[in-house]
Each structure stands twice: as C-alpha cells, then as structure tokens.
Amino acid sequence: MRSWRRAALALLVVTATGLGGLASGGGPTLLVRALAADAWRVEFDAICAKTQDAMALPLDELRSLVARSDKLLPELEKLEPSQRKVYVKRLQGCRNLYAFVLESRQKG
C-alpha cells in the first residue's frame, strides 16, 4: 500500500475510533463496514496499476495478478449495477492483458 494511503487509512482509523466514530453512534462497527466497503477498491487499484509495465513483469507476478483478478471478481459482482458494470469491465481488461502477456511470453 502506498504511504499516502497508509496515512489516510490511519487518519480514518483514528477519527472513526475517536470522537468522530463514537459521537456519531457508529463506533468501531461503522469503521469495519467502511473499510470493508473500500477494500475491493484498494485491491482493484493495485491490480490494474501495473498494466503499463505488463511486458516487463516477471511471470510469477503476472500469474499472481491474474489470480488476484479472478479472486476480486466476485466482490465486484456485489456492487450496485452501474458501478459493477464499469469495474467488472475494467478488471476484465486488466486481467486479459496480463493473461495475454503471460501466454505470449510462455510460448516465446
């Protein structure tokens, strides 16, 4: 996870578990739900961030990215219809690119 994301996550945790979360009546349960709702997005960003460098990635990393894409797909299927359509299509594009590079490098 990038350092700015870690800092933002830490700030969210401190705010939600401190007066912000308790004053609103949400408490830690609200925090857990908020973090779980955004977990798919962090993974999505991490997977699709490497498409520009796909040809330079090691085979093991390409395999990992394809597997992670397959694992994330069911989470995206739970999204609201318009979000689901966009993110599933984008994830499939990233996955297909990695699979294509992996397959072409294994053959050649």
N, C-alpha and C. Protein backbone atom coordinates (compact mmCIF):
# COMPACT_ATOMS: atom_id res chain seq x y z
N MET A 1 0.85 -1.17 0.00
CA MET A 1 0.00 0.00 0.00
C MET A 1 0.89 1.23 0.00
N ARG A 2 0.54 2.23 -0.77
CA ARG A 2 1.34 3.44 -0.84
C ARG A 2 1.31 4.18 0.48
N SER A 3 2.36 4.96 0.73
CA SER A 3 2.47 5.64 2.02
C SER A 3 1.34 6.63 2.26
N TRP A 4 0.89 7.34 1.22
CA TRP A 4 -0.20 8.29 1.43
C TRP A 4 -1.51 7.57 1.74
N ARG A 5 -1.66 6.36 1.21
CA ARG A 5 -2.86 5.59 1.53
C ARG A 5 -2.81 5.09 2.96
N ARG A 6 -1.61 4.71 3.40
CA ARG A 6 -1.46 4.28 4.80
C ARG A 6 -1.80 5.42 5.74
N ALA A 7 -1.31 6.62 5.40
CA ALA A 7 -1.57 7.79 6.24
C ALA A 7 -3.06 8.11 6.27
N ALA A 8 -3.72 8.02 5.11
CA ALA A 8 -5.16 8.30 5.05
C ALA A 8 -5.93 7.25 5.85
N LEU A 9 -5.52 5.99 5.74
CA LEU A 9 -6.17 4.92 6.48
C LEU A 9 -5.98 5.11 7.98
N ALA A 10 -4.77 5.48 8.38
CA ALA A 10 -4.50 5.73 9.81
C ALA A 10 -5.36 6.88 10.32
N LEU A 11 -5.49 7.94 9.53
CA LEU A 11 -6.32 9.07 9.92
C LEU A 11 -7.78 8.64 10.05
N LEU A 12 -8.25 7.81 9.13
CA LEU A 12 -9.61 7.31 9.19
C LEU A 12 -9.83 6.47 10.45
N VAL A 13 -8.88 5.63 10.77
CA VAL A 13 -8.99 4.78 11.96
C VAL A 13 -9.04 5.64 13.21
N VAL A 14 -8.14 6.61 13.31
CA VAL A 14 -8.09 7.48 14.48
C VAL A 14 -9.38 8.27 14.60
N THR A 15 -9.85 8.82 13.50
CA THR A 15 -11.07 9.62 13.53
C THR A 15 -12.28 8.76 13.89
N ALA A 16 -12.41 7.60 13.27
CA ALA A 16 -13.58 6.77 13.49
C ALA A 16 -13.60 6.14 14.88
N THR A 17 -12.43 5.81 15.41
CA THR A 17 -12.41 5.20 16.74
C THR A 17 -12.37 6.23 17.84
N GLY A 18 -12.04 7.46 17.48
CA GLY A 18 -12.03 8.55 18.44
C GLY A 18 -13.40 9.17 18.55
N LEU A 19 -13.43 10.45 18.81
CA LEU A 19 -14.70 11.15 18.98
C LEU A 19 -15.58 11.09 17.74
N GLY A 20 -14.98 11.11 16.55
CA GLY A 20 -15.77 11.10 15.32
C GLY A 20 -16.66 9.89 15.21
N GLY A 21 -16.12 8.70 15.44
CA GLY A 21 -16.90 7.48 15.31
C GLY A 21 -17.88 7.28 16.45
N LEU A 22 -17.46 7.59 17.66
CA LEU A 22 -18.32 7.37 18.80
C LEU A 22 -19.42 8.42 18.90
N ALA A 23 -19.09 9.65 18.54
CA ALA A 23 -20.08 10.72 18.62
C ALA A 23 -21.22 10.49 17.63
N SER A 24 -20.90 9.89 16.50
CA SER A 24 -21.94 9.65 15.50
C SER A 24 -22.75 8.39 15.80
N GLY A 25 -22.33 7.64 16.81
CA GLY A 25 -23.05 6.44 17.17
C GLY A 25 -22.61 5.22 16.38
N GLY A 26 -21.67 5.38 15.46
CA GLY A 26 -21.23 4.27 14.63
C GLY A 26 -20.22 3.40 15.32
N GLY A 27 -19.27 4.02 15.97
CA GLY A 27 -18.24 3.28 16.67
C GLY A 27 -17.42 2.40 15.75
N PRO A 28 -16.75 1.41 16.31
CA PRO A 28 -15.88 0.53 15.53
C PRO A 28 -16.61 -0.27 14.46
N THR A 29 -17.87 -0.61 14.69
CA THR A 29 -18.61 -1.38 13.69
C THR A 29 -18.74 -0.60 12.40
N LEU A 30 -19.02 0.69 12.51
CA LEU A 30 -19.13 1.54 11.34
C LEU A 30 -17.80 1.60 10.61
N LEU A 31 -16.71 1.66 11.35
CA LEU A 31 -15.38 1.69 10.75
C LEU A 31 -15.10 0.41 9.98
N VAL A 32 -15.42 -0.72 10.56
CA VAL A 32 -15.17 -2.01 9.90
C VAL A 32 -15.95 -2.09 8.60
N ARG A 33 -17.21 -1.66 8.62
CA ARG A 33 -18.01 -1.68 7.41
C ARG A 33 -17.45 -0.74 6.35
N ALA A 34 -16.99 0.43 6.76
CA ALA A 34 -16.43 1.39 5.80
C ALA A 34 -15.15 0.85 5.18
N LEU A 35 -14.30 0.25 5.98
CA LEU A 35 -13.05 -0.30 5.46
C LEU A 35 -13.31 -1.48 4.53
N ALA A 36 -14.26 -2.32 4.87
CA ALA A 36 -14.59 -3.47 4.03
C ALA A 36 -15.17 -3.03 2.70
N ALA A 37 -15.95 -1.97 2.73
CA ALA A 37 -16.56 -1.47 1.50
C ALA A 37 -15.52 -0.94 0.53
N ASP A 38 -14.43 -0.40 1.04
CA ASP A 38 -13.39 0.15 0.18
C ASP A 38 -12.24 -0.81 -0.08
N ALA A 39 -12.23 -1.96 0.56
CA ALA A 39 -11.14 -2.91 0.39
C ALA A 39 -11.04 -3.38 -1.06
N TRP A 40 -12.17 -3.60 -1.70
CA TRP A 40 -12.16 -4.03 -3.10
C TRP A 40 -11.48 -2.98 -3.98
N ARG A 41 -11.69 -1.71 -3.65
CA ARG A 41 -11.13 -0.64 -4.48
C ARG A 41 -9.61 -0.57 -4.36
N VAL A 42 -9.10 -0.79 -3.17
CA VAL A 42 -7.65 -0.81 -2.97
C VAL A 42 -7.04 -1.95 -3.77
N GLU A 43 -7.65 -3.12 -3.72
CA GLU A 43 -7.14 -4.27 -4.47
C GLU A 43 -7.28 -4.03 -5.97
N PHE A 44 -8.41 -3.48 -6.40
CA PHE A 44 -8.62 -3.16 -7.81
C PHE A 44 -7.52 -2.23 -8.32
N ASP A 45 -7.26 -1.16 -7.57
CA ASP A 45 -6.23 -0.20 -7.97
C ASP A 45 -4.85 -0.86 -8.03
N ALA A 46 -4.56 -1.72 -7.06
CA ALA A 46 -3.26 -2.40 -7.04
C ALA A 46 -3.10 -3.33 -8.24
N ILE A 47 -4.15 -4.01 -8.61
CA ILE A 47 -4.08 -4.94 -9.75
C ILE A 47 -3.91 -4.19 -11.05
N CYS A 48 -4.76 -3.21 -11.29
CA CYS A 48 -4.76 -2.51 -12.59
C CYS A 48 -3.66 -1.46 -12.72
N ALA A 49 -2.95 -1.18 -11.66
CA ALA A 49 -1.90 -0.16 -11.70
C ALA A 49 -0.69 -0.59 -12.53
N LYS A 50 -0.55 -1.86 -12.79
CA LYS A 50 0.67 -2.36 -13.44
C LYS A 50 0.49 -2.67 -14.92
N THR A 51 -0.61 -2.26 -15.51
CA THR A 51 -0.85 -2.60 -16.92
C THR A 51 0.17 -1.96 -17.85
N GLN A 52 0.65 -0.78 -17.51
CA GLN A 52 1.64 -0.10 -18.36
C GLN A 52 2.96 -0.86 -18.42
N ASP A 53 3.25 -1.61 -17.37
CA ASP A 53 4.52 -2.34 -17.27
C ASP A 53 4.35 -3.84 -17.48
N ALA A 54 3.23 -4.26 -18.03
CA ALA A 54 2.92 -5.69 -18.12
C ALA A 54 4.01 -6.49 -18.82
N MET A 55 4.58 -5.96 -19.88
CA MET A 55 5.60 -6.71 -20.63
C MET A 55 6.88 -6.92 -19.82
N ALA A 56 7.13 -6.07 -18.85
CA ALA A 56 8.37 -6.16 -18.07
C ALA A 56 8.20 -6.96 -16.78
N LEU A 57 6.97 -7.33 -16.45
CA LEU A 57 6.73 -8.03 -15.20
C LEU A 57 7.20 -9.49 -15.28
N PRO A 58 7.72 -10.01 -14.18
CA PRO A 58 8.12 -11.43 -14.15
C PRO A 58 6.88 -12.33 -14.30
N LEU A 59 7.10 -13.53 -14.78
CA LEU A 59 6.00 -14.46 -14.99
C LEU A 59 5.21 -14.75 -13.72
N ASP A 60 5.92 -14.89 -12.60
CA ASP A 60 5.24 -15.16 -11.33
C ASP A 60 4.30 -14.02 -10.95
N GLU A 61 4.72 -12.80 -11.19
CA GLU A 61 3.87 -11.65 -10.87
C GLU A 61 2.66 -11.60 -11.80
N LEU A 62 2.86 -11.93 -13.06
CA LEU A 62 1.73 -11.97 -13.99
C LEU A 62 0.71 -13.02 -13.56
N ARG A 63 1.20 -14.19 -13.16
CA ARG A 63 0.30 -15.24 -12.67
C ARG A 63 -0.46 -14.77 -11.44
N SER A 64 0.25 -14.09 -10.55
CA SER A 64 -0.37 -13.58 -9.33
C SER A 64 -1.45 -12.54 -9.65
N LEU A 65 -1.18 -11.67 -10.59
CA LEU A 65 -2.15 -10.64 -10.96
C LEU A 65 -3.41 -11.25 -11.59
N VAL A 66 -3.23 -12.28 -12.39
CA VAL A 66 -4.38 -12.97 -12.98
C VAL A 66 -5.20 -13.65 -11.87
N ALA A 67 -4.53 -14.31 -10.95
CA ALA A 67 -5.23 -14.98 -9.85
C ALA A 67 -5.94 -13.97 -8.95
N ARG A 68 -5.29 -12.86 -8.65
CA ARG A 68 -5.91 -11.82 -7.83
C ARG A 68 -7.13 -11.23 -8.53
N SER A 69 -7.05 -11.09 -9.84
CA SER A 69 -8.19 -10.57 -10.61
C SER A 69 -9.36 -11.54 -10.49
N ASP A 70 -9.08 -12.82 -10.64
CA ASP A 70 -10.13 -13.83 -10.54
C ASP A 70 -10.77 -13.83 -9.14
N LYS A 71 -9.95 -13.62 -8.13
CA LYS A 71 -10.43 -13.61 -6.75
C LYS A 71 -11.27 -12.36 -6.46
N LEU A 72 -10.94 -11.23 -7.09
CA LEU A 72 -11.65 -9.98 -6.84
C LEU A 72 -13.00 -9.91 -7.57
N LEU A 73 -13.13 -10.60 -8.67
CA LEU A 73 -14.34 -10.53 -9.48
C LEU A 73 -15.64 -10.76 -8.69
N PRO A 74 -15.71 -11.77 -7.83
CA PRO A 74 -16.96 -11.96 -7.06
C PRO A 74 -17.30 -10.77 -6.16
N GLU A 75 -16.28 -10.08 -5.66
CA GLU A 75 -16.54 -8.89 -4.84
C GLU A 75 -17.16 -7.78 -5.68
N LEU A 76 -16.67 -7.62 -6.90
CA LEU A 76 -17.21 -6.59 -7.78
C LEU A 76 -18.63 -6.92 -8.21
N GLU A 77 -18.96 -8.19 -8.28
CA GLU A 77 -20.31 -8.60 -8.66
C GLU A 77 -21.35 -8.18 -7.63
N LYS A 78 -20.91 -7.84 -6.42
CA LYS A 78 -21.83 -7.42 -5.36
C LYS A 78 -22.13 -5.92 -5.40
N LEU A 79 -21.44 -5.18 -6.25
CA LEU A 79 -21.63 -3.74 -6.32
C LEU A 79 -22.98 -3.38 -6.93
N GLU A 80 -23.35 -2.14 -6.76
CA GLU A 80 -24.57 -1.59 -7.37
C GLU A 80 -24.39 -1.63 -8.89
N PRO A 81 -25.46 -1.84 -9.66
CA PRO A 81 -25.36 -2.15 -11.10
C PRO A 81 -24.45 -1.25 -11.94
N SER A 82 -24.54 0.05 -11.80
CA SER A 82 -23.71 0.90 -12.66
C SER A 82 -22.24 0.80 -12.31
N GLN A 83 -21.93 0.74 -11.01
CA GLN A 83 -20.54 0.55 -10.58
C GLN A 83 -20.04 -0.81 -11.02
N ARG A 84 -20.88 -1.82 -10.82
CA ARG A 84 -20.49 -3.18 -11.18
C ARG A 84 -20.11 -3.26 -12.66
N LYS A 85 -20.91 -2.69 -13.51
CA LYS A 85 -20.65 -2.75 -14.94
C LYS A 85 -19.30 -2.14 -15.30
N VAL A 86 -19.01 -0.98 -14.73
CA VAL A 86 -17.75 -0.27 -15.01
C VAL A 86 -16.55 -1.04 -14.49
N TYR A 87 -16.59 -1.41 -13.21
CA TYR A 87 -15.41 -2.01 -12.60
C TYR A 87 -15.17 -3.45 -13.06
N VAL A 88 -16.22 -4.19 -13.32
CA VAL A 88 -16.03 -5.55 -13.84
C VAL A 88 -15.38 -5.48 -15.21
N LYS A 89 -15.85 -4.57 -16.06
CA LYS A 89 -15.28 -4.44 -17.40
C LYS A 89 -13.81 -4.01 -17.33
N ARG A 90 -13.51 -3.07 -16.47
CA ARG A 90 -12.13 -2.61 -16.33
C ARG A 90 -11.22 -3.71 -15.78
N LEU A 91 -11.71 -4.45 -14.78
CA LEU A 91 -10.92 -5.54 -14.21
C LEU A 91 -10.67 -6.63 -15.25
N GLN A 92 -11.69 -6.95 -16.03
CA GLN A 92 -11.52 -7.96 -17.07
C GLN A 92 -10.50 -7.52 -18.11
N GLY A 93 -10.47 -6.22 -18.42
CA GLY A 93 -9.48 -5.70 -19.35
C GLY A 93 -8.06 -5.87 -18.80
N CYS A 94 -7.88 -5.53 -17.53
CA CYS A 94 -6.57 -5.69 -16.90
C CYS A 94 -6.17 -7.17 -16.87
N ARG A 95 -7.10 -8.02 -16.44
CA ARG A 95 -6.82 -9.45 -16.36
C ARG A 95 -6.47 -10.04 -17.72
N ASN A 96 -7.24 -9.65 -18.74
CA ASN A 96 -6.99 -10.17 -20.08
C ASN A 96 -5.63 -9.74 -20.61
N LEU A 97 -5.22 -8.53 -20.30
CA LEU A 97 -3.90 -8.07 -20.71
C LEU A 97 -2.81 -8.91 -20.05
N TYR A 98 -2.91 -9.10 -18.73
CA TYR A 98 -1.91 -9.90 -18.03
C TYR A 98 -1.88 -11.33 -18.54
N ALA A 99 -3.05 -11.90 -18.78
CA ALA A 99 -3.13 -13.28 -19.29
C ALA A 99 -2.51 -13.37 -20.69
N PHE A 100 -2.76 -12.38 -21.53
CA PHE A 100 -2.20 -12.36 -22.87
C PHE A 100 -0.68 -12.28 -22.83
N VAL A 101 -0.15 -11.38 -22.01
CA VAL A 101 1.31 -11.23 -21.89
C VAL A 101 1.90 -12.51 -21.34
N LEU A 102 1.29 -13.09 -20.34
CA LEU A 102 1.76 -14.33 -19.74
C LEU A 102 1.80 -15.45 -20.78
N GLU A 103 0.72 -15.60 -21.52
CA GLU A 103 0.62 -16.65 -22.53
C GLU A 103 1.64 -16.43 -23.65
N SER A 104 1.78 -15.22 -24.12
CA SER A 104 2.71 -14.95 -25.22
C SER A 104 4.16 -15.13 -24.79
N ARG A 105 4.48 -14.79 -23.55
CA ARG A 105 5.85 -14.96 -23.07
C ARG A 105 6.16 -16.43 -22.80
N GLN A 106 5.18 -17.20 -22.40
CA GLN A 106 5.41 -18.63 -22.17
C GLN A 106 5.62 -19.36 -23.47
N LYS A 107 4.94 -18.93 -24.53
CA LYS A 107 5.09 -19.57 -25.85
C LYS A 107 6.42 -19.20 -26.49
N GLY A 108 6.83 -17.94 -26.29
CA GLY A 108 8.02 -17.44 -26.98
C GLY A 108 9.23 -17.58 -26.22
